Amino acid sequence: MDGPLRRTSFLQILVTFFLLLLGLNIIREVDSLGINYGQVANNLPPPEKVLQLLHALKITKARIYDTNPQVLTALANSNIELIVTVENQMLATLGDQQQALQWVTTHIRPYFPATNITGIAVGNEIFTDEDTSLMTYLVPAMVNIHSALIKTGLSQYIQVSSPNSLAVLANSYPPSAGNFRSDLNGIMQQFLQFLVTTRAPFWINAYPYFAYKDNPNKISLDYVLFNSNQGMIDPYTRLHYDNMLYAQVDAAIFAIARMGFNGLEVKISETGWPSKGDPNEIGATFQNAAIYNRNILRRQLLNEGTPLRPNVRLDIYVFALFNEDQKPGPTSERNYGLFQPDGTMAYNVGLLSTTSTTTSSTNSEPASASIFLTSSAPPMVKQVRYQSLANWMMFAYFCWLCKG
């Protein structure tokens, strides 16, 4: 084989291999990143427009905090994998088997499989709710919901779990010292046993922002934002952590293992960073929110696991899709959204670019790009940078082949 032909064959192999890698990254990007679609607001776009946004973002996983029939109908025949929620106040009622069956028959069965419901969150942060009586209802409600799914033939498609606040842990530092609060030991044993028996994941709502806000003088901002930093080494496992989120997840894994349930999958049901806050909410800025969520996206593109489980992709649901103007509490609670209700980006995390003119974000002003949610026309959205590069290379590759 002469020199030019040998070089041509090598280039063909190299370009094909690179395209394959890019293609795999694009597919996995869809598989790994989800979004929380909260609706505690009076100015949100209709669900049909939200579906356009999800498609534009190339996001195929979403979580809602109820079983809103408008949302369930709008997401029918889409490729969105949806987690729905049983509201906390319903738990006592669902302790009755017949009521649980009625709930599944009314809120799930009419929409499935057209709407791809893959999970039911029974309550949210029950173990740390102010109403401590809810804890006694949680596991019975989960058991009854699961039994109702079996009766309706849906249990093989829909998992049942319940998201937990990181406050269920008594210790989370270092990660290997992770353990649950002692007052939760009895109910946590039952909860974990249910998850293992039904092969459902342990969902955790993890917010490094709160740790930084409460102790900004001792916690590195770069460490919580996934920026370059020295990180920390767990003195017992010798594992290196370059960000707090992964350390929090591994602390939960260690806590679960200490209860005798090693191997249970852990997923992040919520994480995010507020773009605005009250004067005492240190770190709540557009700049920090953009950096945190942009770095989350970057890590998701790499399909990373945590240091303790490096070969197990960590599924993450970012909080939240929209700013929600009716959420109670401090200003930060109303400013976790990637988008304003009118479709304007609160800040650009790199998920998309648009044909609109944009302005650069600072720590005080958001980007002004819009995805045209107020128009009936589909969003004029360009692909993410990786997709554009792959398309360009594919075109160049075929042109090159034709010339050969």
Protein backbone atom coordinates (compact mmCIF):
# COMPACT_ATOMS: atom_id res chain seq x y z
CA MET A 1 0.00 0.00 0.00
CA ASP A 2 1.49 3.36 -1.02
CA GLY A 3 1.88 6.33 1.34
CA PRO A 4 -1.11 8.50 0.25
CA LEU A 5 -3.52 5.55 0.30
CA ARG A 6 -2.29 4.43 3.70
CA ARG A 7 -2.77 7.99 5.03
CA THR A 8 -6.27 8.10 3.53
CA SER A 9 -7.29 4.85 5.23
CA PHE A 10 -5.93 6.07 8.52
CA LEU A 11 -7.84 9.35 8.24
CA GLN A 12 -11.04 7.49 7.45
CA ILE A 13 -10.65 5.33 10.56
CA LEU A 14 -9.73 8.31 12.73
CA VAL A 15 -12.63 10.49 11.59
CA THR A 16 -15.12 7.61 11.88
CA PHE A 17 -13.93 6.83 15.41
CA PHE A 18 -14.18 10.48 16.47
CA LEU A 19 -17.68 10.76 15.04
CA LEU A 20 -18.70 7.65 16.93
CA LEU A 21 -17.43 9.14 20.18
CA LEU A 22 -19.32 12.38 19.55
CA GLY A 23 -22.46 10.46 18.69
CA LEU A 24 -22.23 8.46 21.90
CA ASN A 25 -21.80 11.68 23.90
CA ILE A 26 -24.93 13.15 22.35
CA ILE A 27 -27.00 10.06 23.09
CA ARG A 28 -25.78 9.83 26.66
CA GLU A 29 -26.42 13.52 27.20
CA VAL A 30 -30.09 12.82 26.62
CA ASP A 31 -30.01 9.84 28.98
CA SER A 32 -28.32 11.46 31.95
CA LEU A 33 -29.78 14.93 32.55
CA GLY A 34 -33.27 15.69 33.81
CA ILE A 35 -35.10 18.84 34.84
CA ASN A 36 -37.55 19.67 37.61
CA TYR A 37 -40.64 21.39 36.23
CA GLY A 38 -42.17 23.20 39.19
CA GLN A 39 -45.43 25.09 38.76
CA VAL A 40 -45.80 27.25 41.87
CA ALA A 41 -46.41 30.35 39.77
CA ASN A 42 -49.21 32.25 38.08
CA ASN A 43 -47.36 33.28 34.94
CA LEU A 44 -45.95 30.10 33.42
CA PRO A 45 -46.40 29.17 29.76
CA PRO A 46 -48.89 26.40 28.94
CA PRO A 47 -47.55 22.82 29.06
CA GLU A 48 -47.59 22.59 25.26
CA LYS A 49 -45.04 25.41 25.09
CA VAL A 50 -43.01 23.82 27.86
CA LEU A 51 -42.75 20.67 25.76
CA GLN A 52 -41.25 22.77 22.96
CA LEU A 53 -38.69 24.07 25.42
CA LEU A 54 -37.77 20.58 26.62
CA HIS A 55 -37.29 19.46 23.03
CA ALA A 56 -35.16 22.53 22.32
CA LEU A 57 -32.97 21.72 25.31
CA LYS A 58 -32.63 18.08 24.19
CA ILE A 59 -33.86 17.04 27.63
CA THR A 60 -35.83 13.80 27.77
CA LYS A 61 -36.33 13.48 31.53
CA ALA A 62 -38.55 15.67 33.69
CA ARG A 63 -40.11 15.64 37.13
CA ILE A 64 -43.29 17.39 38.23
CA TYR A 65 -44.60 17.89 41.76
CA ASP A 66 -48.14 16.64 41.20
CA THR A 67 -50.14 14.77 38.55
CA ASN A 68 -51.41 17.83 36.68
CA PRO A 69 -53.65 16.39 33.93
CA GLN A 70 -52.76 19.25 31.56
CA VAL A 71 -49.08 18.39 31.82
CA LEU A 72 -49.68 14.66 31.51
CA THR A 73 -51.78 15.23 28.40
CA ALA A 74 -49.32 17.66 26.82
CA LEU A 75 -46.41 15.25 27.23
CA ALA A 76 -48.27 12.38 25.58
CA ASN A 77 -46.49 10.84 22.59
CA SER A 78 -43.33 12.76 23.34
CA ASN A 79 -40.01 11.21 24.27
CA ILE A 80 -40.09 12.69 27.78
CA GLU A 81 -39.58 10.26 30.66
CA LEU A 82 -41.70 11.70 33.47
CA ILE A 83 -41.62 11.37 37.24
CA VAL A 84 -44.87 12.43 38.91
CA THR A 85 -45.50 13.16 42.57
CA VAL A 86 -47.98 12.24 45.25
CA GLU A 87 -48.46 15.40 47.29
CA ASN A 88 -47.46 15.16 50.97
CA GLN A 89 -51.00 15.75 52.19
CA MET A 90 -52.19 12.62 50.34
CA LEU A 91 -50.00 10.16 52.23
CA ALA A 92 -52.44 9.43 55.05
CA THR A 93 -55.22 8.68 52.55
CA LEU A 94 -53.02 6.34 50.53
CA GLY A 95 -52.41 4.22 53.60
CA ASP A 96 -55.66 2.56 52.55
CA GLN A 97 -55.10 -0.01 49.77
CA GLN A 98 -58.35 0.79 47.99
CA GLN A 99 -57.59 4.51 48.00
CA ALA A 100 -54.14 3.82 46.56
CA LEU A 101 -55.65 1.70 43.80
CA GLN A 102 -58.13 4.47 43.06
CA TRP A 103 -55.30 7.01 42.91
CA VAL A 104 -53.33 4.95 40.38
CA THR A 105 -56.48 4.23 38.38
CA THR A 106 -57.32 7.94 38.21
CA HIS A 107 -53.95 9.68 38.00
CA ILE A 108 -51.69 7.19 36.21
CA ARG A 109 -53.55 4.55 34.22
CA PRO A 110 -55.47 6.90 31.86
CA TYR A 111 -52.24 8.54 30.68
CA PHE A 112 -49.86 5.60 30.43
CA PRO A 113 -48.24 4.53 28.12
CA ALA A 114 -48.89 7.53 25.84
CA THR A 115 -47.27 9.64 28.54
CA ASN A 116 -44.07 7.87 29.51
CA ILE A 117 -44.41 7.90 33.30
CA THR A 118 -41.33 6.17 34.68
CA GLY A 119 -41.49 7.08 38.36
CA ILE A 120 -43.80 8.07 41.19
CA ALA A 121 -42.37 10.20 43.97
CA VAL A 122 -44.46 9.49 47.06
CA GLY A 123 -44.20 12.80 48.87
CA ASN A 124 -41.14 15.05 48.94
CA GLU A 125 -38.61 15.33 51.78
CA ILE A 126 -40.97 13.58 54.19
CA PHE A 127 -38.30 12.69 56.76
CA THR A 128 -37.49 16.37 57.31
CA ASP A 129 -40.98 17.82 56.96
CA GLU A 130 -42.33 19.97 59.80
CA ASP A 131 -45.28 17.56 60.06
CA THR A 132 -43.45 14.62 61.61
CA SER A 133 -46.60 12.46 61.49
CA LEU A 134 -46.09 12.08 57.73
CA MET A 135 -43.18 9.68 58.35
CA THR A 136 -45.50 7.02 59.70
CA TYR A 137 -47.60 7.13 56.52
CA LEU A 138 -44.75 7.07 54.00
CA VAL A 139 -43.80 3.40 53.67
CA PRO A 140 -47.40 2.11 53.83
CA ALA A 141 -48.35 4.59 51.09
CA MET A 142 -45.41 3.47 48.95
CA VAL A 143 -46.27 -0.21 49.46
CA ASN A 144 -49.90 0.42 48.50
CA ILE A 145 -48.98 2.48 45.42
CA HIS A 146 -46.63 -0.28 44.28
CA SER A 147 -49.30 -2.92 44.88
CA ALA A 148 -51.76 -0.85 42.85
CA LEU A 149 -49.22 -0.68 40.01
CA ILE A 150 -48.95 -4.47 40.13
CA LYS A 151 -52.72 -4.84 39.95
CA THR A 152 -52.93 -2.50 36.97
CA GLY A 153 -50.00 -4.14 35.19
CA LEU A 154 -47.69 -1.11 35.46
CA SER A 155 -45.14 -2.10 38.10
CA GLN A 156 -42.55 -3.23 35.56
CA TYR A 157 -42.56 0.23 33.98
CA ILE A 158 -42.91 2.62 36.92
CA GLN A 159 -40.66 2.85 39.99
CA VAL A 160 -41.85 4.10 43.36
CA SER A 161 -39.57 6.08 45.66
CA SER A 162 -39.49 9.29 47.71
CA PRO A 163 -36.94 12.14 47.45
CA ASN A 164 -35.00 12.96 50.61
CA SER A 165 -33.34 16.10 51.85
CA LEU A 166 -29.65 15.79 52.65
CA ALA A 167 -30.71 16.66 56.21
CA VAL A 168 -31.59 12.97 56.73
CA LEU A 169 -27.85 12.52 57.30
CA ALA A 170 -26.35 13.09 60.73
CA ASN A 171 -22.88 13.27 59.16
CA SER A 172 -21.79 13.85 55.59
CA TYR A 173 -18.14 14.84 56.03
CA PRO A 174 -15.95 13.13 55.17
CA PRO A 175 -18.14 11.08 52.81
CA SER A 176 -17.03 7.78 54.37
CA ALA A 177 -18.49 8.98 57.70
CA GLY A 178 -21.95 9.36 56.19
CA ASN A 179 -24.73 8.02 58.38
CA PHE A 180 -28.42 8.65 58.94
CA ARG A 181 -29.85 10.49 61.92
CA SER A 182 -30.39 8.07 64.76
CA ASP A 183 -34.03 9.10 65.19
CA LEU A 184 -34.71 7.85 61.65
CA ASN A 185 -33.15 4.42 62.01
CA GLY A 186 -36.39 2.47 62.40
CA ILE A 187 -38.36 4.06 59.58
CA MET A 188 -35.28 4.33 57.34
CA GLN A 189 -34.74 0.58 57.62
CA GLN A 190 -38.27 -0.03 56.33
CA PHE A 191 -37.87 2.58 53.62
CA LEU A 192 -34.59 1.15 52.31
CA GLN A 193 -35.95 -2.39 52.44
CA PHE A 194 -38.82 -1.34 50.20
CA LEU A 195 -36.42 0.24 47.69
CA VAL A 196 -34.25 -2.86 47.58
CA THR A 197 -37.23 -5.20 47.24
CA THR A 198 -38.76 -3.20 44.38
CA ARG A 199 -35.39 -2.25 42.80
CA ALA A 200 -36.12 1.45 43.07
CA PRO A 201 -33.44 4.14 43.56
CA PHE A 202 -32.74 6.28 46.60
CA TRP A 203 -33.46 9.86 45.55
CA ILE A 204 -31.62 12.71 47.23
CA ASN A 205 -32.14 16.48 46.98
CA ALA A 206 -28.59 17.81 47.28
CA TYR A 207 -27.74 21.52 47.29
CA PRO A 208 -24.09 22.48 47.88
CA TYR A 209 -25.32 26.09 47.75
CA PHE A 210 -26.81 25.77 51.24
CA ALA A 211 -23.54 24.56 52.71
CA TYR A 212 -21.66 27.46 51.13
CA LYS A 213 -24.28 30.05 52.16
CA ASP A 214 -24.10 28.94 55.78
CA ASN A 215 -20.30 28.85 55.95
CA PRO A 216 -18.70 30.89 53.12
CA ASN A 217 -15.51 31.58 55.07
CA LYS A 218 -14.62 27.90 55.44
CA ILE A 219 -16.06 26.33 52.28
CA SER A 220 -14.38 27.01 48.95
CA LEU A 221 -16.69 28.54 46.35
CA ASP A 222 -14.74 26.79 43.59
CA TYR A 223 -15.27 23.46 45.36
CA VAL A 224 -19.06 23.85 45.42
CA LEU A 225 -19.22 25.25 41.87
CA PHE A 226 -17.22 22.40 40.25
CA ASN A 227 -14.47 24.86 39.32
CA SER A 228 -10.82 23.87 39.35
CA ASN A 229 -9.65 23.46 42.95
CA GLN A 230 -7.53 21.25 45.19
CA GLY A 231 -10.58 19.44 46.49
CA MET A 232 -10.39 17.12 49.46
CA ILE A 233 -9.21 13.58 50.14
CA ASP A 234 -11.32 11.34 52.34
CA PRO A 235 -8.89 10.28 55.08
CA TYR A 236 -10.36 6.78 55.31
CA THR A 237 -11.00 5.80 51.67
CA ARG A 238 -8.27 8.03 50.19
CA LEU A 239 -10.74 9.00 47.47
CA HIS A 240 -10.28 12.47 45.99
CA TYR A 241 -13.28 14.80 45.64
CA ASP A 242 -13.11 17.91 43.47
CA ASN A 243 -16.68 19.01 44.18
CA MET A 244 -19.12 18.92 47.07
CA LEU A 245 -22.07 17.40 45.20
CA TYR A 246 -20.29 14.10 44.55
CA ALA A 247 -19.10 14.05 48.15
CA GLN A 248 -22.69 14.47 49.35
CA VAL A 249 -23.89 11.62 47.14
CA ASP A 250 -21.15 9.30 48.37
CA ALA A 251 -21.99 10.23 51.97
CA ALA A 252 -25.55 9.03 51.28
CA ILE A 253 -24.19 5.82 49.75
CA PHE A 254 -22.09 5.17 52.86
CA ALA A 255 -25.08 5.89 55.10
CA ILE A 256 -27.20 3.39 53.17
CA ALA A 257 -24.44 0.79 53.37
CA ARG A 258 -24.24 1.26 57.14
CA MET A 259 -27.89 0.26 57.29
CA GLY A 260 -27.01 -2.99 55.52
CA PHE A 261 -28.13 -2.09 51.99
CA ASN A 262 -24.90 -1.77 50.05
CA GLY A 263 -25.47 -1.56 46.29
CA LEU A 264 -28.65 0.51 46.28
CA GLU A 265 -28.62 3.04 43.43
CA VAL A 266 -28.56 6.72 44.42
CA LYS A 267 -29.85 9.44 42.10
CA ILE A 268 -30.03 13.21 42.51
CA SER A 269 -33.68 14.22 42.33
CA GLU A 270 -32.87 17.91 42.83
CA THR A 271 -29.83 20.13 42.68
CA GLY A 272 -29.45 23.73 41.61
CA TRP A 273 -28.25 27.21 42.47
CA PRO A 274 -30.33 30.40 42.91
CA SER A 275 -29.57 33.32 40.63
CA LYS A 276 -30.86 35.88 43.12
CA GLY A 277 -31.30 36.07 46.87
CA ASP A 278 -31.78 38.28 49.90
CA PRO A 279 -28.78 40.25 51.23
CA ASN A 280 -27.96 37.47 53.70
CA GLU A 281 -28.10 34.76 51.02
CA ILE A 282 -24.43 34.80 50.16
CA GLY A 283 -23.51 33.41 46.76
CA ALA A 284 -26.97 33.67 45.18
CA THR A 285 -25.94 35.41 41.93
CA PHE A 286 -26.51 34.96 38.22
CA GLN A 287 -22.83 34.29 37.74
CA ASN A 288 -22.63 31.50 40.32
CA ALA A 289 -25.88 29.92 39.16
CA ALA A 290 -24.66 29.88 35.56
CA ILE A 291 -21.30 28.38 36.53
CA TYR A 292 -22.83 25.68 38.74
CA ASN A 293 -25.40 24.49 36.22
CA ARG A 294 -23.00 24.82 33.30
CA ASN A 295 -20.51 22.61 35.11
CA ILE A 296 -23.27 20.13 35.96
CA LEU A 297 -24.02 19.92 32.23
CA ARG A 298 -20.34 19.47 31.42
CA ARG A 299 -20.02 16.61 33.89
CA GLN A 300 -23.19 15.00 32.57
CA LEU A 301 -21.76 15.04 29.05
CA LEU A 302 -18.88 12.97 30.43
CA ASN A 303 -21.30 10.46 32.02
CA GLU A 304 -19.37 10.65 35.25
CA GLY A 305 -19.92 8.65 38.37
CA THR A 306 -18.81 9.65 41.85
CA PRO A 307 -15.37 8.74 43.21
CA LEU A 308 -16.94 5.87 45.16
CA ARG A 309 -18.80 4.57 42.09
CA PRO A 310 -16.82 5.92 39.12
CA ASN A 311 -18.32 3.46 36.63
CA VAL A 312 -21.96 4.12 37.55
CA ARG A 313 -23.38 7.16 35.78
CA LEU A 314 -24.93 9.59 38.22
CA ASP A 315 -28.40 10.67 37.10
CA ILE A 316 -29.14 14.29 37.99
CA TYR A 317 -32.34 16.33 37.85
CA VAL A 318 -31.58 20.05 37.84
CA PHE A 319 -33.83 22.38 39.81
CA ALA A 320 -35.52 24.09 38.12
CA LEU A 321 -36.87 24.81 34.67
CA PHE A 322 -38.59 28.11 35.58
CA ASN A 323 -38.44 30.78 38.24
CA GLU A 324 -41.62 30.36 40.31
CA ASP A 325 -43.05 33.63 41.58
CA GLN A 326 -45.45 32.18 44.16
CA LYS A 327 -43.04 30.04 46.14
CA PRO A 328 -42.89 31.09 49.79
CA GLY A 329 -39.71 31.77 51.70
CA PRO A 330 -36.63 33.86 50.94
CA THR A 331 -36.00 35.43 47.54
CA SER A 332 -33.76 32.56 46.46
CA GLU A 333 -36.72 30.17 46.50
CA ARG A 334 -38.27 32.06 43.58
CA ASN A 335 -35.06 32.23 41.55
CA TYR A 336 -33.76 28.73 40.85
CA GLY A 337 -35.03 28.62 37.26
CA LEU A 338 -32.90 28.35 34.16
CA PHE A 339 -35.67 30.32 32.44
CA GLN A 340 -38.03 33.15 33.18
CA PRO A 341 -41.73 32.33 32.65
CA ASP A 342 -41.77 34.24 29.34
CA GLY A 343 -39.13 31.93 27.89
CA THR A 344 -36.20 34.28 28.44
CA MET A 345 -33.10 32.59 29.77
CA ALA A 346 -32.29 33.63 33.32
CA TYR A 347 -28.71 32.87 32.28
CA ASN A 348 -27.13 30.73 29.58
CA VAL A 349 -25.73 27.41 30.78
CA GLY A 350 -24.85 26.33 27.24
CA LEU A 351 -27.81 24.02 26.65
CA LEU A 352 -28.85 26.03 23.60
CA SER A 353 -28.26 29.15 21.58
CA THR A 354 -30.92 31.06 19.72
CA THR A 355 -31.36 33.33 16.73
CA SER A 356 -32.11 36.18 19.14
CA THR A 357 -29.46 38.68 20.11
CA THR A 358 -27.93 37.83 23.46
CA THR A 359 -25.98 39.84 25.95
CA SER A 360 -23.25 38.46 28.14
CA SER A 361 -24.24 37.57 31.68
CA THR A 362 -22.62 39.16 34.68
CA ASN A 363 -23.21 38.58 38.34
CA SER A 364 -26.07 41.07 38.23
CA GLU A 365 -27.75 40.71 34.85
CA PRO A 366 -29.15 37.68 33.03
CA ALA A 367 -28.77 36.82 29.38
CA SER A 368 -31.59 38.12 27.20
CA ALA A 369 -31.92 35.24 24.75
CA SER A 370 -35.42 33.91 24.15
CA ILE A 371 -36.76 30.68 22.75
CA PHE A 372 -39.98 32.29 21.56
CA LEU A 373 -42.41 30.53 23.87
CA THR A 374 -44.95 33.25 23.17
CA SER A 375 -45.04 32.35 19.49
CA SER A 376 -46.96 29.47 17.97
CA ALA A 377 -43.99 28.78 15.70
CA PRO A 378 -41.49 26.14 16.84
CA PRO A 379 -38.40 27.50 18.62
CA MET A 380 -35.59 28.58 16.28
CA VAL A 381 -32.97 26.78 18.26
CA LYS A 382 -29.54 25.74 17.21
CA GLN A 383 -28.06 22.46 18.42
CA VAL A 384 -25.66 22.37 21.31
CA ARG A 385 -22.04 22.83 20.35
CA TYR A 386 -21.29 19.09 20.31
CA GLN A 387 -24.14 18.38 17.91
CA SER A 388 -23.04 21.19 15.58
CA LEU A 389 -19.50 19.89 15.53
CA ALA A 390 -20.68 16.37 14.81
CA ASN A 391 -22.90 17.54 11.95
CA TRP A 392 -20.08 19.59 10.45
CA MET A 393 -17.66 16.69 10.65
CA MET A 394 -20.18 14.29 9.18
CA PHE A 395 -20.72 16.63 6.22
CA ALA A 396 -16.98 17.08 5.71
CA TYR A 397 -16.45 13.36 5.99
CA PHE A 398 -18.95 12.48 3.27
CA CYS A 399 -17.61 15.21 0.99
CA TRP A 400 -14.15 13.81 1.46
CA LEU A 401 -15.32 10.30 0.65
CA CYS A 402 -17.04 11.49 -2.52
CA LYS A 403 -13.88 13.19 -3.71
CA GLY A 404 -11.98 9.96 -3.08
